[in-house]
Amino acid sequence: MIVTGVDKVKFVDYTKSNDFYLFEVGKYKCGPGYSYGPIVRTRTIFHYVLSGKGHLVIGDKRFDIHEHQGFLIPARVKAYYEADTEEPWEYAWIHVDGPRTLELFASAGITSENPIYNPVSDSSMVYECIAEIFRNSDRECFCYAKVYEFFDYLIATSENQVKNDVDPRLAYVKSAISFIRLKYSEPIGVEEIAAACGLNRSYLTRLFKHATGYTPQAYLASYRIKKASELLQETSETINSIAFLVGYSDSFTFSKAFKRYRNESPSDYRKKLGKG
């Protein structure tokens, strides 16, 4: 179990997985009527209710939630949640985002339109995965494994899990992601990605954004910056060389893109890591 207390949180920054990125886990015991928001988060967060009850408001819909249920707050969606005044909830949360996050939550039937997790069997392992990450937050590979377990248990126990009604259009999105991961170091753009999938650019963009929350161009750029960050941290390659290694034609364009995503230049990022 996570250490008992009013507010416990572990911040991590694990972004090397090609499926999802893990940023934090925590646990909070709310006081009566405690509320949060309205807020629009930049990343997806999932809460699992350990005890008590409360409610969530997304758009004009209210969802009443109780013990052993969970609720999703997707990125870029305005949300408000509040603990009950008589039986305030205690919840654990996992702050996870990345290319397959929305797809995996959707496999459990958890979406922006239906953000509530209703288990049909023992859901304690959903919480235990979060607790294990909390206890072992310094073990990167272990934490990745536990996030996979978290999604596995969430999908397996969800009342609304998707079994046979899988949208075949997701195959195009997966194909596009595979192409990007294979060819990111080459001078590719959305036209090349769409052509590799046998689709036109605008149709692929609609499919891709619906499935992942990113446009293909945004995903390609973020993936390149992720790979560049790894090279800056793990190698002594020059910034100019790294720019070419991750698909940029010159270091100036690369540096502008890196600063847009990281809020610092490649050289400042390397210095912060003690590599400069």
C-alpha atoms as a PDB file:
ATOM      1  CA  MET A   1       0.000   0.000   0.000  1.00  0.00           C
ATOM      2  CA  ILE A   2       1.121   3.582  -0.562  1.00  0.00           C
ATOM      3  CA  VAL A   3       2.179   5.284   2.665  1.00  0.00           C
ATOM      4  CA  THR A   4      -0.870   6.629   4.471  1.00  0.00           C
ATOM      5  CA  GLY A   5      -1.224  10.375   4.428  1.00  0.00           C
ATOM      6  CA  VAL A   6      -3.185  13.290   3.079  1.00  0.00           C
ATOM      7  CA  ASP A   7      -1.132  13.780  -0.070  1.00  0.00           C
ATOM      8  CA  LYS A   8       1.575  11.460  -1.417  1.00  0.00           C
ATOM      9  CA  VAL A   9       3.061  11.846  -4.884  1.00  0.00           C
ATOM     10  CA  LYS A  10       6.068  10.626  -6.851  1.00  0.00           C
ATOM     11  CA  PHE A  11       7.189  12.589  -9.902  1.00  0.00           C
ATOM     12  CA  VAL A  12       8.959  10.684 -12.668  1.00  0.00           C
ATOM     13  CA  ASP A  13       9.728  11.488 -16.291  1.00  0.00           C
ATOM     14  CA  TYR A  14       9.881   8.211 -18.163  1.00  0.00           C
ATOM     15  CA  THR A  15       9.415   8.938 -21.867  1.00  0.00           C
ATOM     16  CA  LYS A  16      11.477   6.298 -23.690  1.00  0.00           C
ATOM     17  CA  SER A  17       8.632   3.864 -24.272  1.00  0.00           C
ATOM     18  CA  ASN A  18       7.131   3.948 -27.749  1.00  0.00           C
ATOM     19  CA  ASP A  19       3.650   3.259 -26.326  1.00  0.00           C
ATOM     20  CA  PHE A  20       3.228   5.693 -23.428  1.00  0.00           C
ATOM     21  CA  TYR A  21       5.003   8.195 -21.192  1.00  0.00           C
ATOM     22  CA  LEU A  22       4.772   8.103 -17.381  1.00  0.00           C
ATOM     23  CA  PHE A  23       4.979  11.344 -15.423  1.00  0.00           C
ATOM     24  CA  GLU A  24       3.650  10.809 -11.896  1.00  0.00           C
ATOM     25  CA  VAL A  25       1.633   8.651  -9.532  1.00  0.00           C
ATOM     26  CA  GLY A  26       0.099   9.600  -6.236  1.00  0.00           C
ATOM     27  CA  LYS A  27      -2.587   9.226  -3.634  1.00  0.00           C
ATOM     28  CA  TYR A  28      -4.839  11.827  -2.014  1.00  0.00           C
ATOM     29  CA  LYS A  29      -7.287  11.691   0.884  1.00  0.00           C
ATOM     30  CA  CYS A  30      -9.740  14.530   0.308  1.00  0.00           C
ATOM     31  CA  GLY A  31     -11.555  16.575   2.896  1.00  0.00           C
ATOM     32  CA  PRO A  32     -15.345  17.044   2.683  1.00  0.00           C
ATOM     33  CA  GLY A  33     -16.312  18.961  -0.441  1.00  0.00           C
ATOM     34  CA  TYR A  34     -12.723  19.212  -1.711  1.00  0.00           C
ATOM     35  CA  SER A  35     -12.783  20.214  -5.391  1.00  0.00           C
ATOM     36  CA  TYR A  36     -10.333  20.634  -8.244  1.00  0.00           C
ATOM     37  CA  GLY A  37     -10.871  22.673 -11.382  1.00  0.00           C
ATOM     38  CA  PRO A  38     -12.351  23.473 -13.742  1.00  0.00           C
ATOM     39  CA  ILE A  39      -9.005  22.694 -15.371  1.00  0.00           C
ATOM     40  CA  VAL A  40      -7.713  21.716 -18.788  1.00  0.00           C
ATOM     41  CA  ARG A  41      -4.746  19.382 -18.407  1.00  0.00           C
ATOM     42  CA  THR A  42      -1.997  19.052 -20.986  1.00  0.00           C
ATOM     43  CA  ARG A  43      -1.671  15.311 -20.261  1.00  0.00           C
ATOM     44  CA  THR A  44      -4.021  12.444 -19.511  1.00  0.00           C
ATOM     45  CA  ILE A  45      -4.655  11.425 -15.896  1.00  0.00           C
ATOM     46  CA  PHE A  46      -6.634   8.521 -14.418  1.00  0.00           C
ATOM     47  CA  HIS A  47      -8.001   8.363 -10.853  1.00  0.00           C
ATOM     48  CA  TYR A  48      -8.940   5.169  -8.998  1.00  0.00           C
ATOM     49  CA  VAL A  49     -11.288   5.687  -6.011  1.00  0.00           C
ATOM     50  CA  LEU A  50     -10.190   3.735  -2.931  1.00  0.00           C
ATOM     51  CA  SER A  51     -13.006   4.821  -0.634  1.00  0.00           C
ATOM     52  CA  GLY A  52     -15.787   7.382  -0.376  1.00  0.00           C
ATOM     53  CA  LYS A  53     -17.460   9.087  -3.290  1.00  0.00           C
ATOM     54  CA  GLY A  54     -17.665  12.261  -5.335  1.00  0.00           C
ATOM     55  CA  HIS A  55     -18.499  13.476  -8.803  1.00  0.00           C
ATOM     56  CA  LEU A  56     -16.848  14.486 -12.064  1.00  0.00           C
ATOM     57  CA  VAL A  57     -18.064  17.096 -14.543  1.00  0.00           C
ATOM     58  CA  ILE A  58     -16.864  17.055 -18.153  1.00  0.00           C
ATOM     59  CA  GLY A  59     -18.602  19.476 -20.484  1.00  0.00           C
ATOM     60  CA  ASP A  60     -22.233  19.538 -19.448  1.00  0.00           C
ATOM     61  CA  LYS A  61     -22.236  15.971 -18.090  1.00  0.00           C
ATOM     62  CA  ARG A  62     -22.014  14.997 -14.443  1.00  0.00           C
ATOM     63  CA  PHE A  63     -20.814  11.557 -13.360  1.00  0.00           C
ATOM     64  CA  ASP A  64     -21.311  10.307  -9.799  1.00  0.00           C
ATOM     65  CA  ILE A  65     -18.455   8.026  -8.765  1.00  0.00           C
ATOM     66  CA  HIS A  66     -17.923   5.753  -5.767  1.00  0.00           C
ATOM     67  CA  GLU A  67     -15.454   3.319  -4.211  1.00  0.00           C
ATOM     68  CA  HIS A  68     -13.609   0.987  -6.623  1.00  0.00           C
ATOM     69  CA  GLN A  69     -14.630   2.974  -9.682  1.00  0.00           C
ATOM     70  CA  GLY A  70     -12.234   5.164 -11.620  1.00  0.00           C
ATOM     71  CA  PHE A  71     -12.399   8.199 -13.850  1.00  0.00           C
ATOM     72  CA  LEU A  72     -10.367   9.517 -16.752  1.00  0.00           C
ATOM     73  CA  ILE A  73      -9.500  13.150 -17.387  1.00  0.00           C
ATOM     74  CA  PRO A  74      -8.251  13.291 -20.984  1.00  0.00           C
ATOM     75  CA  ALA A  75      -5.735  15.872 -22.092  1.00  0.00           C
ATOM     76  CA  ARG A  76      -7.122  19.131 -23.481  1.00  0.00           C
ATOM     77  CA  VAL A  77     -10.601  18.561 -22.014  1.00  0.00           C
ATOM     78  CA  LYS A  78     -12.080  20.867 -19.354  1.00  0.00           C
ATOM     79  CA  ALA A  79     -12.915  18.908 -16.206  1.00  0.00           C
ATOM     80  CA  TYR A  80     -14.033  19.522 -12.629  1.00  0.00           C
ATOM     81  CA  TYR A  81     -14.249  17.021  -9.796  1.00  0.00           C
ATOM     82  CA  GLU A  82     -15.438  17.263  -6.211  1.00  0.00           C
ATOM     83  CA  ALA A  83     -15.476  15.038  -3.142  1.00  0.00           C
ATOM     84  CA  ASP A  84     -18.735  14.246  -1.365  1.00  0.00           C
ATOM     85  CA  THR A  85     -19.399  16.403   1.694  1.00  0.00           C
ATOM     86  CA  GLU A  86     -20.289  13.436   3.921  1.00  0.00           C
ATOM     87  CA  GLU A  87     -18.198  10.608   2.455  1.00  0.00           C
ATOM     88  CA  PRO A  88     -15.251  12.333   0.740  1.00  0.00           C
ATOM     89  CA  TRP A  89     -13.217  10.108  -1.488  1.00  0.00           C
ATOM     90  CA  GLU A  90      -9.664   8.945  -1.273  1.00  0.00           C
ATOM     91  CA  TYR A  91      -8.097   8.168  -4.626  1.00  0.00           C
ATOM     92  CA  ALA A  92      -4.861   7.160  -6.299  1.00  0.00           C
ATOM     93  CA  TRP A  93      -3.873   8.550  -9.680  1.00  0.00           C
ATOM     94  CA  ILE A  94      -1.547   7.831 -12.551  1.00  0.00           C
ATOM     95  CA  HIS A  95      -0.413  10.565 -14.907  1.00  0.00           C
ATOM     96  CA  VAL A  96       0.267   8.814 -18.210  1.00  0.00           C
ATOM     97  CA  ASP A  97       0.244  10.008 -21.795  1.00  0.00           C
ATOM     98  CA  GLY A  98       1.712   9.180 -25.176  1.00  0.00           C
ATOM     99  CA  PRO A  99       0.928   7.553 -28.532  1.00  0.00           C
ATOM    100  CA  ARG A 100      -1.135   4.538 -27.385  1.00  0.00           C
ATOM    101  CA  THR A 101      -2.644   5.956 -24.198  1.00  0.00           C
ATOM    102  CA  LEU A 102      -6.056   6.893 -25.599  1.00  0.00           C
ATOM    103  CA  GLU A 103      -6.193   3.641 -27.556  1.00  0.00           C
ATOM    104  CA  LEU A 104      -5.538   1.560 -24.433  1.00  0.00           C
ATOM    105  CA  PHE A 105      -8.087   3.435 -22.340  1.00  0.00           C
ATOM    106  CA  ALA A 106     -10.570   3.090 -25.220  1.00  0.00           C
ATOM    107  CA  SER A 107      -9.974  -0.686 -25.183  1.00  0.00           C
ATOM    108  CA  ALA A 108     -11.403  -0.589 -21.659  1.00  0.00           C
ATOM    109  CA  GLY A 109     -14.339   1.477 -22.925  1.00  0.00           C
ATOM    110  CA  ILE A 110     -12.999   4.586 -21.172  1.00  0.00           C
ATOM    111  CA  THR A 111     -13.173   7.707 -23.353  1.00  0.00           C
ATOM    112  CA  SER A 112     -13.904  11.434 -23.191  1.00  0.00           C
ATOM    113  CA  GLU A 113     -17.593  10.646 -23.745  1.00  0.00           C
ATOM    114  CA  ASN A 114     -17.606   7.759 -21.243  1.00  0.00           C
ATOM    115  CA  PRO A 115     -14.824   8.556 -18.749  1.00  0.00           C
ATOM    116  CA  ILE A 116     -15.906   6.200 -15.947  1.00  0.00           C
ATOM    117  CA  TYR A 117     -14.278   2.856 -15.167  1.00  0.00           C
ATOM    118  CA  ASN A 118     -16.829   0.352 -13.850  1.00  0.00           C
ATOM    119  CA  PRO A 119     -15.224  -2.959 -12.837  1.00  0.00           C
ATOM    120  CA  VAL A 120     -17.152  -6.210 -13.132  1.00  0.00           C
ATOM    121  CA  SER A 121     -14.717  -8.127 -10.913  1.00  0.00           C
ATOM    122  CA  ASP A 122     -12.031  -7.460  -8.327  1.00  0.00           C
ATOM    123  CA  SER A 123     -10.219  -4.327  -9.424  1.00  0.00           C
ATOM    124  CA  SER A 124      -7.693  -4.139  -6.587  1.00  0.00           C
ATOM    125  CA  MET A 125      -4.797  -4.914  -8.949  1.00  0.00           C
ATOM    126  CA  VAL A 126      -5.483  -1.678 -10.832  1.00  0.00           C
ATOM    127  CA  TYR A 127      -4.596   0.178  -7.665  1.00  0.00           C
ATOM    128  CA  GLU A 128      -1.746  -2.191  -6.766  1.00  0.00           C
ATOM    129  CA  CYS A 129      -0.020  -1.378 -10.056  1.00  0.00           C
ATOM    130  CA  ILE A 130      -0.108   2.325  -9.169  1.00  0.00           C
ATOM    131  CA  ALA A 131       1.128   1.507  -5.657  1.00  0.00           C
ATOM    132  CA  GLU A 132       3.995  -0.595  -7.026  1.00  0.00           C
ATOM    133  CA  ILE A 133       5.085   2.270  -9.278  1.00  0.00           C
ATOM    134  CA  PHE A 134       4.986   4.581  -6.246  1.00  0.00           C
ATOM    135  CA  ARG A 135       7.160   2.216  -4.206  1.00  0.00           C
ATOM    136  CA  ASN A 136       9.627   1.610  -7.020  1.00  0.00           C
ATOM    137  CA  SER A 137       9.604   4.930  -8.851  1.00  0.00           C
ATOM    138  CA  ASP A 138      13.380   4.863  -9.360  1.00  0.00           C
ATOM    139  CA  ARG A 139      13.200   1.631 -11.423  1.00  0.00           C
ATOM    140  CA  GLU A 140      12.368   2.760 -14.946  1.00  0.00           C
ATOM    141  CA  CYS A 141      11.901  -0.634 -16.622  1.00  0.00           C
ATOM    142  CA  PHE A 142       9.886  -1.911 -13.651  1.00  0.00           C
ATOM    143  CA  CYS A 143       7.587   1.110 -13.908  1.00  0.00           C
ATOM    144  CA  TYR A 144       7.043   0.554 -17.635  1.00  0.00           C
ATOM    145  CA  ALA A 145       6.103  -3.065 -16.904  1.00  0.00           C
ATOM    146  CA  LYS A 146       3.625  -1.968 -14.240  1.00  0.00           C
ATOM    147  CA  VAL A 147       1.962   0.512 -16.605  1.00  0.00           C
ATOM    148  CA  TYR A 148       1.409  -2.356 -19.051  1.00  0.00           C
ATOM    149  CA  GLU A 149      -0.064  -4.402 -16.185  1.00  0.00           C
ATOM    150  CA  PHE A 150      -2.227  -1.449 -15.174  1.00  0.00           C
ATOM    151  CA  PHE A 151      -3.764  -1.281 -18.641  1.00  0.00           C
ATOM    152  CA  ASP A 152      -4.118  -5.062 -18.808  1.00  0.00           C
ATOM    153  CA  TYR A 153      -6.067  -5.234 -15.529  1.00  0.00           C
ATOM    154  CA  LEU A 154      -8.090  -2.141 -16.425  1.00  0.00           C
ATOM    155  CA  ILE A 155      -9.182  -3.660 -19.736  1.00  0.00           C
ATOM    156  CA  ALA A 156      -9.774  -7.154 -18.310  1.00  0.00           C
ATOM    157  CA  THR A 157     -12.030  -5.951 -15.484  1.00  0.00           C
ATOM    158  CA  SER A 158     -13.894  -3.127 -17.233  1.00  0.00           C
ATOM    159  CA  GLU A 159     -17.617  -3.427 -17.775  1.00  0.00           C
ATOM    160  CA  ASN A 160     -17.230  -1.626 -21.084  1.00  0.00           C
ATOM    161  CA  GLN A 161     -14.157  -3.344 -22.477  1.00  0.00           C
ATOM    162  CA  VAL A 162     -14.060  -3.468 -26.256  1.00  0.00           C
ATOM    163  CA  LYS A 163     -13.827  -7.057 -27.488  1.00  0.00           C
ATOM    164  CA  ASN A 164     -15.155  -7.437 -30.998  1.00  0.00           C
ATOM    165  CA  ASP A 165     -15.992  -3.918 -32.104  1.00  0.00           C
ATOM    166  CA  VAL A 166     -12.428  -2.793 -32.873  1.00  0.00           C
ATOM    167  CA  ASP A 167     -12.255  -0.025 -35.450  1.00  0.00           C
ATOM    168  CA  PRO A 168     -10.260  -1.406 -38.412  1.00  0.00           C
ATOM    169  CA  ARG A 169      -9.075   2.126 -39.167  1.00  0.00           C
ATOM    170  CA  LEU A 170      -6.717   1.820 -36.203  1.00  0.00           C
ATOM    171  CA  ALA A 171      -4.580  -0.431 -38.403  1.00  0.00           C
ATOM    172  CA  TYR A 172      -3.768   2.621 -40.531  1.00  0.00           C
ATOM    173  CA  VAL A 173      -2.769   4.597 -37.466  1.00  0.00           C
ATOM    174  CA  LYS A 174      -0.539   1.784 -36.206  1.00  0.00           C
ATOM    175  CA  SER A 175       1.025   1.525 -39.642  1.00  0.00           C
ATOM    176  CA  ALA A 176       1.719   5.274 -39.639  1.00  0.00           C
ATOM    177  CA  ILE A 177       3.322   5.091 -36.187  1.00  0.00           C
ATOM    178  CA  SER A 178       5.496   2.149 -37.266  1.00  0.00           C
ATOM    179  CA  PHE A 179       6.601   4.064 -40.359  1.00  0.00           C
ATOM    180  CA  ILE A 180       7.507   7.129 -38.284  1.00  0.00           C
ATOM    181  CA  ARG A 181       9.534   5.073 -35.816  1.00  0.00           C
ATOM    182  CA  LEU A 182      11.376   3.379 -38.662  1.00  0.00           C
ATOM    183  CA  LYS A 183      11.979   6.460 -40.828  1.00  0.00           C
ATOM    184  CA  TYR A 184      12.139   9.399 -38.373  1.00  0.00           C
ATOM    185  CA  SER A 185      15.860   9.921 -39.114  1.00  0.00           C
ATOM    186  CA  GLU A 186      15.074  10.524 -42.781  1.00  0.00           C
ATOM    187  CA  PRO A 187      13.600  13.723 -44.291  1.00  0.00           C
ATOM    188  CA  ILE A 188       9.999  12.496 -44.239  1.00  0.00           C
ATOM    189  CA  GLY A 189       6.785  14.466 -43.821  1.00  0.00           C
ATOM    190  CA  VAL A 190       3.068  13.787 -43.656  1.00  0.00           C
ATOM    191  CA  GLU A 191       2.858  13.146 -47.422  1.00  0.00           C
ATOM    192  CA  GLU A 192       5.383  10.307 -47.189  1.00  0.00           C
ATOM    193  CA  ILE A 193       3.676   8.859 -44.096  1.00  0.00           C
ATOM    194  CA  ALA A 194       0.269   8.938 -45.800  1.00  0.00           C
ATOM    195  CA  ALA A 195       1.668   7.378 -48.966  1.00  0.00           C
ATOM    196  CA  ALA A 196       3.228   4.538 -46.970  1.00  0.00           C
ATOM    197  CA  CYS A 197      -0.239   3.823 -45.520  1.00  0.00           C
ATOM    198  CA  GLY A 198      -1.999   4.108 -48.871  1.00  0.00           C
ATOM    199  CA  LEU A 199      -4.074   7.089 -47.735  1.00  0.00           C
ATOM    200  CA  ASN A 200      -4.338  10.739 -48.623  1.00  0.00           C
ATOM    201  CA  ARG A 201      -2.865  13.273 -46.218  1.00  0.00           C
ATOM    202  CA  SER A 202      -6.081  14.803 -44.875  1.00  0.00           C
ATOM    203  CA  TYR A 203      -7.768  11.451 -44.199  1.00  0.00           C
ATOM    204  CA  LEU A 204      -4.722  10.074 -42.364  1.00  0.00           C
ATOM    205  CA  THR A 205      -4.531  13.257 -40.285  1.00  0.00           C
ATOM    206  CA  ARG A 206      -8.169  12.881 -39.183  1.00  0.00           C
ATOM    207  CA  LEU A 207      -7.715   9.197 -38.300  1.00  0.00           C
ATOM    208  CA  PHE A 208      -4.428   9.777 -36.515  1.00  0.00           C
ATOM    209  CA  LYS A 209      -5.636  12.678 -34.397  1.00  0.00           C
ATOM    210  CA  HIS A 210      -8.847  10.894 -33.430  1.00  0.00           C
ATOM    211  CA  ALA A 211      -6.898   7.828 -32.278  1.00  0.00           C
ATOM    212  CA  THR A 212      -3.916   9.478 -30.572  1.00  0.00           C
ATOM    213  CA  GLY A 213      -4.753  13.123 -29.918  1.00  0.00           C
ATOM    214  CA  TYR A 214      -1.787  14.151 -32.102  1.00  0.00           C
ATOM    215  CA  THR A 215      -1.505  15.069 -35.766  1.00  0.00           C
ATOM    216  CA  PRO A 216       1.017  12.921 -37.677  1.00  0.00           C
ATOM    217  CA  GLN A 217       3.285  15.968 -37.990  1.00  0.00           C
ATOM    218  CA  ALA A 218       3.132  16.661 -34.245  1.00  0.00           C
ATOM    219  CA  TYR A 219       3.809  13.019 -33.408  1.00  0.00           C
ATOM    220  CA  LEU A 220       6.777  12.914 -35.810  1.00  0.00           C
ATOM    221  CA  ALA A 221       8.229  16.096 -34.308  1.00  0.00           C
ATOM    222  CA  SER A 222       7.764  14.924 -30.710  1.00  0.00           C
ATOM    223  CA  TYR A 223       9.285  11.531 -31.538  1.00  0.00           C
ATOM    224  CA  ARG A 224      12.305  13.186 -33.132  1.00  0.00           C
ATOM    225  CA  ILE A 225      12.803  15.417 -30.105  1.00  0.00           C
ATOM    226  CA  LYS A 226      12.493  12.407 -27.798  1.00  0.00           C
ATOM    227  CA  LYS A 227      15.206  10.599 -29.755  1.00  0.00           C
ATOM    228  CA  ALA A 228      17.344  13.742 -29.857  1.00  0.00           C
ATOM    229  CA  SER A 229      17.041  14.093 -26.080  1.00  0.00           C
ATOM    230  CA  GLU A 230      18.316  10.538 -25.670  1.00  0.00           C
ATOM    231  CA  LEU A 231      21.290  11.260 -27.948  1.00  0.00           C
ATOM    232  CA  LEU A 232      22.109  14.482 -26.085  1.00  0.00           C
ATOM    233  CA  GLN A 233      22.063  12.563 -22.824  1.00  0.00           C
ATOM    234  CA  GLU A 234      23.764   9.337 -23.878  1.00  0.00           C
ATOM    235  CA  THR A 235      26.308  10.351 -26.535  1.00  0.00           C
ATOM    236  CA  SER A 236      28.938  12.999 -27.201  1.00  0.00           C
ATOM    237  CA  GLU A 237      27.696  13.683 -30.731  1.00  0.00           C
ATOM    238  CA  THR A 238      27.646  17.354 -31.728  1.00  0.00           C
ATOM    239  CA  ILE A 239      24.314  19.146 -31.879  1.00  0.00           C
ATOM    240  CA  ASN A 240      24.750  19.480 -35.636  1.00  0.00           C
ATOM    241  CA  SER A 241      25.249  15.708 -35.972  1.00  0.00           C
ATOM    242  CA  ILE A 242      22.248  14.973 -33.761  1.00  0.00           C
ATOM    243  CA  ALA A 243      20.102  17.248 -35.916  1.00  0.00           C
ATOM    244  CA  PHE A 244      20.887  15.098 -38.957  1.00  0.00           C
ATOM    245  CA  LEU A 245      20.532  11.844 -37.002  1.00  0.00           C
ATOM    246  CA  VAL A 246      16.933  12.669 -36.087  1.00  0.00           C
ATOM    247  CA  GLY A 247      15.860  13.891 -39.516  1.00  0.00           C
ATOM    248  CA  TYR A 248      16.512  17.638 -39.550  1.00  0.00           C
ATOM    249  CA  SER A 249      18.330  19.247 -42.476  1.00  0.00           C
ATOM    250  CA  ASP A 250      20.161  21.812 -40.339  1.00  0.00           C
ATOM    251  CA  SER A 251      20.934  22.550 -36.703  1.00  0.00           C
ATOM    252  CA  PHE A 252      19.020  25.866 -36.702  1.00  0.00           C
ATOM    253  CA  THR A 253      15.692  24.211 -37.588  1.00  0.00           C
ATOM    254  CA  PHE A 254      16.424  21.436 -35.111  1.00  0.00           C
ATOM    255  CA  SER A 255      17.234  23.876 -32.287  1.00  0.00           C
ATOM    256  CA  LYS A 256      14.003  25.821 -32.887  1.00  0.00           C
ATOM    257  CA  ALA A 257      11.958  22.613 -32.788  1.00  0.00           C
ATOM    258  CA  PHE A 258      13.769  21.349 -29.689  1.00  0.00           C
ATOM    259  CA  LYS A 259      13.171  24.616 -27.816  1.00  0.00           C
ATOM    260  CA  ARG A 260       9.494  24.568 -28.797  1.00  0.00           C
ATOM    261  CA  TYR A 261       9.028  21.130 -27.213  1.00  0.00           C
ATOM    262  CA  ARG A 262      11.516  21.323 -24.328  1.00  0.00           C
ATOM    263  CA  ASN A 263      11.439  25.070 -23.537  1.00  0.00           C
ATOM    264  CA  GLU A 264      15.235  25.107 -23.681  1.00  0.00           C
ATOM    265  CA  SER A 265      17.908  24.826 -26.349  1.00  0.00           C
ATOM    266  CA  PRO A 266      19.733  21.541 -27.044  1.00  0.00           C
ATOM    267  CA  SER A 267      22.934  22.974 -25.594  1.00  0.00           C
ATOM    268  CA  ASP A 268      21.175  24.137 -22.412  1.00  0.00           C
ATOM    269  CA  TYR A 269      19.519  20.723 -22.078  1.00  0.00           C
ATOM    270  CA  ARG A 270      22.904  19.007 -22.373  1.00  0.00           C
ATOM    271  CA  LYS A 271      24.499  21.394 -19.852  1.00  0.00           C
ATOM    272  CA  LYS A 272      21.677  20.720 -17.392  1.00  0.00           C
ATOM    273  CA  LEU A 273      22.526  17.035 -17.636  1.00  0.00           C
ATOM    274  CA  GLY A 274      26.177  17.799 -16.925  1.00  0.00           C
ATOM    275  CA  LYS A 275      27.183  16.786 -20.447  1.00  0.00           C
ATOM    276  CA  GLY A 276      28.138  20.185 -21.782  1.00  0.00           C
END
